[in-house]
Structure formats: structure tokens, C-alpha cells
């Protein structure tokens, strides 16, 4: 007789199998770094938030440098090997 009894239950979430996996690319992360740069230059963050934003920015920038550095080395090696076998 209470309103709680009269409300319909919320629908159950869809199984995880029917959802497409979320893909985050290096370009997405680079876009996030750029977004932080733009937002901070426009004064979007309060003083108390700057430490957390700066920490996140540093982590992202370091991660991107590591990823891009590791991607460049194998590409050069693989490219050299493919050129030698094609000749």
C-alpha cells in the first residue's frame, strides 16, 4: 500500500556479452591531454583541482611517450626487414 510497493522495479541491465567493448586509442588519450591543456589555459579548473589535474596530465603524457616510443622502434625494425625480403 505504500508507494514503494506500487512502483515497478527498474529493468535489469543488459548482459555484458551484448555490449560492444569500449576501445580507447592512443589518439583518444592524446586528445585528452590536449583537452587538459586547453581547459587549463582557459581557467576551467579551480586552484584546489590543479594538483589532481596536473598529476593526471603527467601520467597521461608519460604513458603516451612510452607507448609512442615503443611503437616506433618495432615499426622501424619491421619496415627494414620487409624492405630486405622484397628486394
C-alpha atoms as a PDB file:
ATOM      1  CA  UNK A   1       0.000   0.000   0.000  1.00  0.00           C
ATOM      2  CA  UNK A   2       2.972   2.273   0.186  1.00  0.00           C
ATOM      3  CA  UNK A   3       4.294   3.948  -2.898  1.00  0.00           C
ATOM      4  CA  UNK A   4       7.317   1.688  -2.859  1.00  0.00           C
ATOM      5  CA  UNK A   5       5.082  -1.333  -3.376  1.00  0.00           C
ATOM      6  CA  UNK A   6       3.281   0.305  -6.308  1.00  0.00           C
ATOM      7  CA  UNK A   7       6.364   1.248  -8.310  1.00  0.00           C
ATOM      8  CA  UNK A   8       7.664  -1.087 -10.979  1.00  0.00           C
ATOM      9  CA  UNK A   9      11.168  -2.463 -10.492  1.00  0.00           C
ATOM     10  CA  UNK A  10      13.915  -0.981 -12.630  1.00  0.00           C
ATOM     11  CA  UNK A  11      14.779  -3.072 -15.685  1.00  0.00           C
ATOM     12  CA  UNK A  12      17.811  -5.285 -15.256  1.00  0.00           C
ATOM     13  CA  UNK A  13      20.942  -4.163 -17.092  1.00  0.00           C
ATOM     14  CA  UNK A  14      21.730  -5.968 -20.337  1.00  0.00           C
ATOM     15  CA  UNK A  15      24.273  -8.778 -20.096  1.00  0.00           C
ATOM     16  CA  UNK A  16      27.871  -7.765 -20.702  1.00  0.00           C
ATOM     17  CA  UNK A  17      28.061 -10.065 -23.735  1.00  0.00           C
ATOM     18  CA  UNK A  18      25.591  -7.958 -25.723  1.00  0.00           C
ATOM     19  CA  UNK A  19      27.574  -4.761 -25.164  1.00  0.00           C
ATOM     20  CA  UNK A  20      30.354  -3.835 -27.543  1.00  0.00           C
ATOM     21  CA  UNK A  21      33.761  -3.484 -25.896  1.00  0.00           C
ATOM     22  CA  UNK A  22      34.979   0.031 -25.298  1.00  0.00           C
ATOM     23  CA  UNK A  23      38.051   0.884 -27.337  1.00  0.00           C
ATOM     24  CA  UNK A  24      40.338   3.680 -26.226  1.00  0.00           C
ATOM     25  CA  UNK A  25      43.060   4.526 -28.678  1.00  0.00           C
ATOM     26  CA  UNK A  26      46.316   6.419 -28.341  1.00  0.00           C
ATOM     27  CA  UNK A  27      44.643   9.219 -30.299  1.00  0.00           C
ATOM     28  CA  UNK A  28      41.881   9.364 -27.669  1.00  0.00           C
ATOM     29  CA  UNK A  29      44.469   9.725 -24.913  1.00  0.00           C
ATOM     30  CA  UNK A  30      46.321  12.395 -26.881  1.00  0.00           C
ATOM     31  CA  UNK A  31      43.011  14.214 -27.285  1.00  0.00           C
ATOM     32  CA  UNK A  32      42.534  14.075 -23.531  1.00  0.00           C
ATOM     33  CA  UNK A  33      45.986  15.602 -22.960  1.00  0.00           C
ATOM     34  CA  UNK A  34      45.115  18.358 -25.434  1.00  0.00           C
ATOM     35  CA  UNK A  35      41.777  18.888 -23.697  1.00  0.00           C
ATOM     36  CA  UNK A  36      43.504  19.355 -20.345  1.00  0.00           C
ATOM     37  CA  UNK A  37      45.870  21.883 -21.957  1.00  0.00           C
ATOM     38  CA  UNK A  38      43.015  23.907 -23.439  1.00  0.00           C
ATOM     39  CA  UNK A  39      40.853  23.747 -20.313  1.00  0.00           C
ATOM     40  CA  UNK A  40      43.690  24.831 -18.027  1.00  0.00           C
ATOM     41  CA  UNK A  41      44.697  27.687 -20.330  1.00  0.00           C
ATOM     42  CA  UNK A  42      41.093  28.935 -20.229  1.00  0.00           C
ATOM     43  CA  UNK A  43      40.901  28.765 -16.438  1.00  0.00           C
ATOM     44  CA  UNK A  44      38.446  25.871 -16.268  1.00  0.00           C
ATOM     45  CA  UNK A  45      39.975  24.389 -13.113  1.00  0.00           C
ATOM     46  CA  UNK A  46      39.910  25.789  -9.577  1.00  0.00           C
ATOM     47  CA  UNK A  47      43.110  26.157  -7.612  1.00  0.00           C
ATOM     48  CA  UNK A  48      42.408  23.137  -5.435  1.00  0.00           C
ATOM     49  CA  UNK A  49      41.854  20.966  -8.500  1.00  0.00           C
ATOM     50  CA  UNK A  50      45.097  21.879 -10.220  1.00  0.00           C
ATOM     51  CA  UNK A  51      47.246  19.324  -8.381  1.00  0.00           C
ATOM     52  CA  UNK A  52      44.955  16.440  -9.392  1.00  0.00           C
ATOM     53  CA  UNK A  53      44.691  17.704 -12.959  1.00  0.00           C
ATOM     54  CA  UNK A  54      48.468  18.121 -13.171  1.00  0.00           C
ATOM     55  CA  UNK A  55      49.051  14.614 -11.827  1.00  0.00           C
ATOM     56  CA  UNK A  56      46.649  13.122 -14.360  1.00  0.00           C
ATOM     57  CA  UNK A  57      48.219  15.159 -17.150  1.00  0.00           C
ATOM     58  CA  UNK A  58      51.713  13.954 -16.188  1.00  0.00           C
ATOM     59  CA  UNK A  59      50.594  10.323 -16.048  1.00  0.00           C
ATOM     60  CA  UNK A  60      48.915  10.545 -19.452  1.00  0.00           C
ATOM     61  CA  UNK A  61      51.834  12.348 -21.073  1.00  0.00           C
ATOM     62  CA  UNK A  62      54.351   9.833 -19.688  1.00  0.00           C
ATOM     63  CA  UNK A  63      52.199   6.899 -20.775  1.00  0.00           C
ATOM     64  CA  UNK A  64      51.834   8.325 -24.278  1.00  0.00           C
ATOM     65  CA  UNK A  65      55.584   8.884 -24.559  1.00  0.00           C
ATOM     66  CA  UNK A  66      56.208   5.261 -23.555  1.00  0.00           C
ATOM     67  CA  UNK A  67      53.597   3.900 -25.967  1.00  0.00           C
ATOM     68  CA  UNK A  68      54.684   6.039 -28.887  1.00  0.00           C
ATOM     69  CA  UNK A  69      58.340   5.265 -28.213  1.00  0.00           C
ATOM     70  CA  UNK A  70      57.701   1.510 -28.104  1.00  0.00           C
ATOM     71  CA  UNK A  71      55.561   1.639 -31.274  1.00  0.00           C
ATOM     72  CA  UNK A  72      58.207   3.492 -33.271  1.00  0.00           C
ATOM     73  CA  UNK A  73      61.037   1.005 -32.588  1.00  0.00           C
ATOM     74  CA  UNK A  74      59.269  -2.164 -33.852  1.00  0.00           C
ATOM     75  CA  UNK A  75      57.901  -0.328 -36.887  1.00  0.00           C
ATOM     76  CA  UNK A  76      61.441   0.656 -37.914  1.00  0.00           C
ATOM     77  CA  UNK A  77      62.724  -2.905 -37.429  1.00  0.00           C
ATOM     78  CA  UNK A  78      59.770  -4.483 -39.220  1.00  0.00           C
ATOM     79  CA  UNK A  79      59.980  -1.972 -42.048  1.00  0.00           C
ATOM     80  CA  UNK A  80      63.675  -2.698 -42.591  1.00  0.00           C
ATOM     81  CA  UNK A  81      63.028  -6.443 -42.634  1.00  0.00           C
ATOM     82  CA  UNK A  82      60.187  -6.121 -45.125  1.00  0.00           C
ATOM     83  CA  UNK A  83      62.323  -3.995 -47.437  1.00  0.00           C
ATOM     84  CA  UNK A  84      65.171  -6.538 -47.385  1.00  0.00           C
ATOM     85  CA  UNK A  85      62.913  -9.509 -48.185  1.00  0.00           C
ATOM     86  CA  UNK A  86      61.152  -7.647 -51.012  1.00  0.00           C
ATOM     87  CA  UNK A  87      64.386  -6.956 -52.846  1.00  0.00           C
END
